[in-house]
């Protein structure tokens, strides 16, 4: 007799996960409009507040991977689910949270764009640093978009600073500054070459000696 897929336990887990992700992902697209209309928050402030979700993942994920490999998963799942539901009660202090984030931004001069990029990058990399099993390239696929965004951000910053802005002002462009727009092509070529060189290692593919 085959084991049934659709069982009461399966339905409960399916409903729990649906409600968990539905509640979270329903909040994410609505929160920016709420902050803008109710608290008159600017784009940078909204970006920093949304990145708090990523910072929370950055703090939790490195340890969650280790705990899931070392202890029973069901009690950990139930405890995390209970904490997640409890955290929603914290939205009643959203006004204080907004003021706190605005204070941090003004006090430490946080750049919302680069802060968000590196927080996302770290949260997708750190979970795999403490687990005991072997990891490969597909474990880091979530990091690739953040690496691309960070690279584009840095390259565009220096292109604007040393080439395009002086060019618009009519300043004299030095030979070194004229080379700056070409760096992105060197960067791309280096990324392709390094990916090809290290692909057997990061993918676990078997190669002949």
C-alpha atoms as a PDB file:
ATOM      1  CA  UNK A   1       0.000   0.000   0.000  1.00  0.00           C
ATOM      2  CA  UNK A   2       1.422   3.359  -1.019  1.00  0.00           C
ATOM      3  CA  UNK A   3       1.752   6.155   1.487  1.00  0.00           C
ATOM      4  CA  UNK A   4      -0.714   8.939   0.859  1.00  0.00           C
ATOM      5  CA  UNK A   5       0.642  12.358   0.018  1.00  0.00           C
ATOM      6  CA  UNK A   6      -2.420  14.316   1.102  1.00  0.00           C
ATOM      7  CA  UNK A   7      -2.748  13.608   4.809  1.00  0.00           C
ATOM      8  CA  UNK A   8      -3.997  15.783   7.692  1.00  0.00           C
ATOM      9  CA  UNK A   9      -0.402  16.576   8.666  1.00  0.00           C
ATOM     10  CA  UNK A  10       0.409  17.569   5.093  1.00  0.00           C
ATOM     11  CA  UNK A  11      -2.648  19.854   4.935  1.00  0.00           C
ATOM     12  CA  UNK A  12      -1.744  21.525   8.230  1.00  0.00           C
ATOM     13  CA  UNK A  13       1.831  22.163   7.095  1.00  0.00           C
ATOM     14  CA  UNK A  14       0.621  23.451   3.737  1.00  0.00           C
ATOM     15  CA  UNK A  15      -1.855  25.834   5.390  1.00  0.00           C
ATOM     16  CA  UNK A  16       0.734  27.025   7.916  1.00  0.00           C
ATOM     17  CA  UNK A  17       3.315  27.802   5.247  1.00  0.00           C
ATOM     18  CA  UNK A  18       0.730  29.480   3.025  1.00  0.00           C
ATOM     19  CA  UNK A  19      -0.444  31.765   5.837  1.00  0.00           C
ATOM     20  CA  UNK A  20       3.151  32.475   6.885  1.00  0.00           C
ATOM     21  CA  UNK A  21       4.370  33.543   3.458  1.00  0.00           C
ATOM     22  CA  UNK A  22       1.074  35.177   2.491  1.00  0.00           C
ATOM     23  CA  UNK A  23       1.191  37.403   5.565  1.00  0.00           C
ATOM     24  CA  UNK A  24       4.822  38.341   5.013  1.00  0.00           C
ATOM     25  CA  UNK A  25       4.764  38.950   1.263  1.00  0.00           C
ATOM     26  CA  UNK A  26       1.457  40.776   1.480  1.00  0.00           C
ATOM     27  CA  UNK A  27       3.063  43.208   3.919  1.00  0.00           C
ATOM     28  CA  UNK A  28       6.207  43.933   1.886  1.00  0.00           C
ATOM     29  CA  UNK A  29       4.600  45.700  -1.135  1.00  0.00           C
ATOM     30  CA  UNK A  30       2.119  47.618   1.059  1.00  0.00           C
ATOM     31  CA  UNK A  31       4.570  48.857   3.710  1.00  0.00           C
ATOM     32  CA  UNK A  32       6.303  51.494   1.500  1.00  0.00           C
ATOM     33  CA  UNK A  33       2.964  53.145   0.696  1.00  0.00           C
ATOM     34  CA  UNK A  34       1.974  53.080   4.363  1.00  0.00           C
ATOM     35  CA  UNK A  35       5.242  54.707   5.423  1.00  0.00           C
ATOM     36  CA  UNK A  36       4.996  57.321   2.699  1.00  0.00           C
ATOM     37  CA  UNK A  37       1.354  58.271   3.231  1.00  0.00           C
ATOM     38  CA  UNK A  38       1.069  57.978   7.016  1.00  0.00           C
ATOM     39  CA  UNK A  39       4.556  59.002   8.168  1.00  0.00           C
ATOM     40  CA  UNK A  40       5.632  61.054   5.109  1.00  0.00           C
ATOM     41  CA  UNK A  41       8.848  59.051   4.953  1.00  0.00           C
ATOM     42  CA  UNK A  42      11.323  59.699   2.139  1.00  0.00           C
ATOM     43  CA  UNK A  43      12.664  57.130  -0.305  1.00  0.00           C
ATOM     44  CA  UNK A  44      15.909  56.620   1.611  1.00  0.00           C
ATOM     45  CA  UNK A  45      14.097  56.131   4.894  1.00  0.00           C
ATOM     46  CA  UNK A  46      11.708  53.634   3.322  1.00  0.00           C
ATOM     47  CA  UNK A  47      14.636  51.751   1.813  1.00  0.00           C
ATOM     48  CA  UNK A  48      16.386  51.493   5.176  1.00  0.00           C
ATOM     49  CA  UNK A  49      13.213  50.333   6.926  1.00  0.00           C
ATOM     50  CA  UNK A  50      12.597  47.630   4.325  1.00  0.00           C
ATOM     51  CA  UNK A  51      16.207  46.546   4.600  1.00  0.00           C
ATOM     52  CA  UNK A  52      15.601  45.836   8.280  1.00  0.00           C
ATOM     53  CA  UNK A  53      13.970  42.597   7.126  1.00  0.00           C
ATOM     54  CA  UNK A  54      17.207  41.703   5.399  1.00  0.00           C
ATOM     55  CA  UNK A  55      19.235  42.664   8.464  1.00  0.00           C
ATOM     56  CA  UNK A  56      17.046  40.383  10.553  1.00  0.00           C
ATOM     57  CA  UNK A  57      17.723  37.547   8.113  1.00  0.00           C
ATOM     58  CA  UNK A  58      21.418  38.418   8.257  1.00  0.00           C
ATOM     59  CA  UNK A  59      21.386  37.981  12.034  1.00  0.00           C
ATOM     60  CA  UNK A  60      19.334  34.770  12.120  1.00  0.00           C
ATOM     61  CA  UNK A  61      20.244  32.706   9.054  1.00  0.00           C
ATOM     62  CA  UNK A  62      23.882  31.885   9.925  1.00  0.00           C
ATOM     63  CA  UNK A  63      22.664  30.205  13.105  1.00  0.00           C
ATOM     64  CA  UNK A  64      19.446  28.710  11.712  1.00  0.00           C
ATOM     65  CA  UNK A  65      21.346  26.565   9.205  1.00  0.00           C
ATOM     66  CA  UNK A  66      23.581  25.213  11.979  1.00  0.00           C
ATOM     67  CA  UNK A  67      20.670  24.538  14.346  1.00  0.00           C
ATOM     68  CA  UNK A  68      18.632  22.760  11.667  1.00  0.00           C
ATOM     69  CA  UNK A  69      21.576  20.453  10.978  1.00  0.00           C
ATOM     70  CA  UNK A  70      22.258  19.810  14.670  1.00  0.00           C
ATOM     71  CA  UNK A  71      18.836  19.549  16.345  1.00  0.00           C
ATOM     72  CA  UNK A  72      15.343  18.258  15.678  1.00  0.00           C
ATOM     73  CA  UNK A  73      13.665  20.408  13.051  1.00  0.00           C
ATOM     74  CA  UNK A  74      10.032  20.211  14.153  1.00  0.00           C
ATOM     75  CA  UNK A  75      10.482  21.938  17.556  1.00  0.00           C
ATOM     76  CA  UNK A  76      12.679  24.591  15.937  1.00  0.00           C
ATOM     77  CA  UNK A  77      10.079  25.171  13.221  1.00  0.00           C
ATOM     78  CA  UNK A  78       7.253  25.543  15.749  1.00  0.00           C
ATOM     79  CA  UNK A  79       9.308  27.902  17.911  1.00  0.00           C
ATOM     80  CA  UNK A  80      10.280  30.047  14.906  1.00  0.00           C
ATOM     81  CA  UNK A  81       6.653  30.116  13.738  1.00  0.00           C
ATOM     82  CA  UNK A  82       5.497  31.287  17.173  1.00  0.00           C
ATOM     83  CA  UNK A  83       8.181  34.001  17.279  1.00  0.00           C
ATOM     84  CA  UNK A  84       7.187  35.139  13.789  1.00  0.00           C
ATOM     85  CA  UNK A  85       3.546  35.522  14.832  1.00  0.00           C
ATOM     86  CA  UNK A  86       4.566  37.346  17.990  1.00  0.00           C
ATOM     87  CA  UNK A  87       6.710  39.786  16.035  1.00  0.00           C
ATOM     88  CA  UNK A  88       3.669  41.036  14.152  1.00  0.00           C
ATOM     89  CA  UNK A  89       2.477  42.566  17.399  1.00  0.00           C
ATOM     90  CA  UNK A  90       5.509  44.835  17.157  1.00  0.00           C
ATOM     91  CA  UNK A  91       3.945  46.811  14.330  1.00  0.00           C
ATOM     92  CA  UNK A  92       1.969  48.769  16.902  1.00  0.00           C
ATOM     93  CA  UNK A  93       5.220  50.617  17.631  1.00  0.00           C
ATOM     94  CA  UNK A  94       5.834  51.370  13.944  1.00  0.00           C
ATOM     95  CA  UNK A  95       5.963  55.090  14.638  1.00  0.00           C
ATOM     96  CA  UNK A  96       8.785  54.680  17.154  1.00  0.00           C
ATOM     97  CA  UNK A  97      10.602  52.324  14.777  1.00  0.00           C
ATOM     98  CA  UNK A  98      10.403  54.871  11.977  1.00  0.00           C
ATOM     99  CA  UNK A  99      11.793  57.611  14.191  1.00  0.00           C
ATOM    100  CA  UNK A 100      14.580  55.279  15.326  1.00  0.00           C
ATOM    101  CA  UNK A 101      15.575  54.449  11.734  1.00  0.00           C
ATOM    102  CA  UNK A 102      15.528  58.137  10.800  1.00  0.00           C
ATOM    103  CA  UNK A 103      17.792  58.854  13.770  1.00  0.00           C
ATOM    104  CA  UNK A 104      20.259  56.167  12.656  1.00  0.00           C
ATOM    105  CA  UNK A 105      20.288  57.517   9.112  1.00  0.00           C
ATOM    106  CA  UNK A 106      20.944  61.092  10.187  1.00  0.00           C
ATOM    107  CA  UNK A 107      23.430  60.117  12.898  1.00  0.00           C
ATOM    108  CA  UNK A 108      25.593  57.713  10.910  1.00  0.00           C
ATOM    109  CA  UNK A 109      24.963  59.048   7.375  1.00  0.00           C
ATOM    110  CA  UNK A 110      23.773  55.687   6.052  1.00  0.00           C
ATOM    111  CA  UNK A 111      23.571  55.292   2.293  1.00  0.00           C
ATOM    112  CA  UNK A 112      20.300  53.441   1.793  1.00  0.00           C
ATOM    113  CA  UNK A 113      21.174  51.952  -1.595  1.00  0.00           C
ATOM    114  CA  UNK A 114      24.543  50.444  -0.746  1.00  0.00           C
ATOM    115  CA  UNK A 115      23.372  49.451   2.738  1.00  0.00           C
ATOM    116  CA  UNK A 116      20.495  47.461   1.252  1.00  0.00           C
ATOM    117  CA  UNK A 117      22.726  45.770  -1.342  1.00  0.00           C
ATOM    118  CA  UNK A 118      25.372  44.613   1.105  1.00  0.00           C
ATOM    119  CA  UNK A 119      22.824  43.564   3.720  1.00  0.00           C
ATOM    120  CA  UNK A 120      21.093  41.356   1.126  1.00  0.00           C
ATOM    121  CA  UNK A 121      24.442  39.983  -0.036  1.00  0.00           C
ATOM    122  CA  UNK A 122      25.539  39.109   3.487  1.00  0.00           C
ATOM    123  CA  UNK A 123      22.193  37.526   4.402  1.00  0.00           C
ATOM    124  CA  UNK A 124      22.389  35.189   1.406  1.00  0.00           C
ATOM    125  CA  UNK A 125      26.022  34.183   2.010  1.00  0.00           C
ATOM    126  CA  UNK A 126      26.370  33.839   5.770  1.00  0.00           C
ATOM    127  CA  UNK A 127      23.805  31.033   6.252  1.00  0.00           C
ATOM    128  CA  UNK A 128      26.129  28.621   4.458  1.00  0.00           C
ATOM    129  CA  UNK A 129      29.217  29.480   6.498  1.00  0.00           C
ATOM    130  CA  UNK A 130      28.296  27.558   9.658  1.00  0.00           C
ATOM    131  CA  UNK A 131      26.689  24.401   8.251  1.00  0.00           C
ATOM    132  CA  UNK A 132      28.616  21.146   8.235  1.00  0.00           C
ATOM    133  CA  UNK A 133      27.659  19.791   4.806  1.00  0.00           C
ATOM    134  CA  UNK A 134      29.399  20.638   1.539  1.00  0.00           C
ATOM    135  CA  UNK A 135      28.067  23.620  -0.418  1.00  0.00           C
ATOM    136  CA  UNK A 136      28.272  24.389  -4.130  1.00  0.00           C
ATOM    137  CA  UNK A 137      27.515  27.173  -6.565  1.00  0.00           C
ATOM    138  CA  UNK A 138      23.725  26.809  -6.431  1.00  0.00           C
ATOM    139  CA  UNK A 139      23.771  27.658  -2.725  1.00  0.00           C
ATOM    140  CA  UNK A 140      25.006  31.129  -3.649  1.00  0.00           C
ATOM    141  CA  UNK A 141      22.722  31.889  -6.595  1.00  0.00           C
ATOM    142  CA  UNK A 142      20.774  34.349  -4.449  1.00  0.00           C
ATOM    143  CA  UNK A 143      23.990  36.329  -3.971  1.00  0.00           C
ATOM    144  CA  UNK A 144      24.623  36.819  -7.699  1.00  0.00           C
ATOM    145  CA  UNK A 145      22.051  39.615  -8.251  1.00  0.00           C
ATOM    146  CA  UNK A 146      23.456  41.486  -5.247  1.00  0.00           C
ATOM    147  CA  UNK A 147      27.023  41.142  -6.564  1.00  0.00           C
ATOM    148  CA  UNK A 148      25.855  42.511  -9.920  1.00  0.00           C
ATOM    149  CA  UNK A 149      24.078  45.449  -8.261  1.00  0.00           C
ATOM    150  CA  UNK A 150      27.101  46.215  -6.065  1.00  0.00           C
ATOM    151  CA  UNK A 151      29.454  46.071  -9.068  1.00  0.00           C
ATOM    152  CA  UNK A 152      27.230  48.329 -11.150  1.00  0.00           C
ATOM    153  CA  UNK A 153      26.886  50.775  -8.260  1.00  0.00           C
ATOM    154  CA  UNK A 154      30.656  51.077  -7.747  1.00  0.00           C
ATOM    155  CA  UNK A 155      31.520  51.218 -11.448  1.00  0.00           C
ATOM    156  CA  UNK A 156      28.871  53.841 -12.179  1.00  0.00           C
ATOM    157  CA  UNK A 157      29.990  55.911  -9.194  1.00  0.00           C
ATOM    158  CA  UNK A 158      33.559  56.149 -10.450  1.00  0.00           C
ATOM    159  CA  UNK A 159      32.520  56.639 -14.069  1.00  0.00           C
ATOM    160  CA  UNK A 160      30.356  59.596 -13.071  1.00  0.00           C
ATOM    161  CA  UNK A 161      32.982  60.995 -10.727  1.00  0.00           C
ATOM    162  CA  UNK A 162      36.025  60.816 -12.985  1.00  0.00           C
ATOM    163  CA  UNK A 163      34.572  60.908 -16.500  1.00  0.00           C
ATOM    164  CA  UNK A 164      30.944  61.850 -17.149  1.00  0.00           C
ATOM    165  CA  UNK A 165      30.525  64.695 -14.633  1.00  0.00           C
ATOM    166  CA  UNK A 166      33.809  66.402 -15.643  1.00  0.00           C
ATOM    167  CA  UNK A 167      32.831  65.846 -19.288  1.00  0.00           C
ATOM    168  CA  UNK A 168      29.491  67.604 -18.758  1.00  0.00           C
ATOM    169  CA  UNK A 169      31.244  70.501 -17.020  1.00  0.00           C
ATOM    170  CA  UNK A 170      33.627  70.825 -19.936  1.00  0.00           C
ATOM    171  CA  UNK A 171      36.705  69.998 -17.842  1.00  0.00           C
ATOM    172  CA  UNK A 172      39.845  68.515 -19.323  1.00  0.00           C
ATOM    173  CA  UNK A 173      39.729  64.722 -19.247  1.00  0.00           C
ATOM    174  CA  UNK A 174      43.058  63.062 -18.470  1.00  0.00           C
ATOM    175  CA  UNK A 175      44.243  59.874 -20.122  1.00  0.00           C
ATOM    176  CA  UNK A 176      43.598  57.855 -16.974  1.00  0.00           C
ATOM    177  CA  UNK A 177      40.058  59.202 -16.646  1.00  0.00           C
ATOM    178  CA  UNK A 178      39.318  58.252 -20.268  1.00  0.00           C
ATOM    179  CA  UNK A 179      40.170  54.670 -19.347  1.00  0.00           C
ATOM    180  CA  UNK A 180      37.608  54.544 -16.516  1.00  0.00           C
ATOM    181  CA  UNK A 181      34.539  53.701 -18.720  1.00  0.00           C
ATOM    182  CA  UNK A 182      36.431  50.682 -20.081  1.00  0.00           C
ATOM    183  CA  UNK A 183      36.905  49.140 -16.651  1.00  0.00           C
ATOM    184  CA  UNK A 184      33.439  47.577 -16.742  1.00  0.00           C
ATOM    185  CA  UNK A 185      34.400  45.490 -19.759  1.00  0.00           C
ATOM    186  CA  UNK A 186      37.555  44.284 -18.006  1.00  0.00           C
ATOM    187  CA  UNK A 187      35.458  43.506 -14.923  1.00  0.00           C
ATOM    188  CA  UNK A 188      32.996  41.466 -17.004  1.00  0.00           C
ATOM    189  CA  UNK A 189      35.752  39.564 -18.782  1.00  0.00           C
ATOM    190  CA  UNK A 190      37.475  38.768 -15.481  1.00  0.00           C
ATOM    191  CA  UNK A 191      34.184  37.493 -14.001  1.00  0.00           C
ATOM    192  CA  UNK A 192      33.614  35.173 -16.970  1.00  0.00           C
ATOM    193  CA  UNK A 193      37.168  33.825 -16.913  1.00  0.00           C
ATOM    194  CA  UNK A 194      37.181  33.225 -13.148  1.00  0.00           C
ATOM    195  CA  UNK A 195      33.778  31.516 -13.318  1.00  0.00           C
ATOM    196  CA  UNK A 196      35.059  29.167 -16.043  1.00  0.00           C
ATOM    197  CA  UNK A 197      38.274  28.427 -14.117  1.00  0.00           C
ATOM    198  CA  UNK A 198      36.592  27.661 -10.804  1.00  0.00           C
ATOM    199  CA  UNK A 199      33.429  26.037 -12.203  1.00  0.00           C
ATOM    200  CA  UNK A 200      34.605  22.424 -11.594  1.00  0.00           C
ATOM    201  CA  UNK A 201      35.243  23.263  -7.935  1.00  0.00           C
ATOM    202  CA  UNK A 202      32.109  25.253  -7.160  1.00  0.00           C
ATOM    203  CA  UNK A 203      29.818  22.877  -9.048  1.00  0.00           C
ATOM    204  CA  UNK A 204      31.322  19.594  -7.845  1.00  0.00           C
ATOM    205  CA  UNK A 205      31.690  18.321 -11.404  1.00  0.00           C
ATOM    206  CA  UNK A 206      34.073  15.421 -11.931  1.00  0.00           C
ATOM    207  CA  UNK A 207      37.040  16.146 -14.176  1.00  0.00           C
ATOM    208  CA  UNK A 208      39.901  13.970 -15.337  1.00  0.00           C
ATOM    209  CA  UNK A 209      43.353  14.515 -13.901  1.00  0.00           C
END
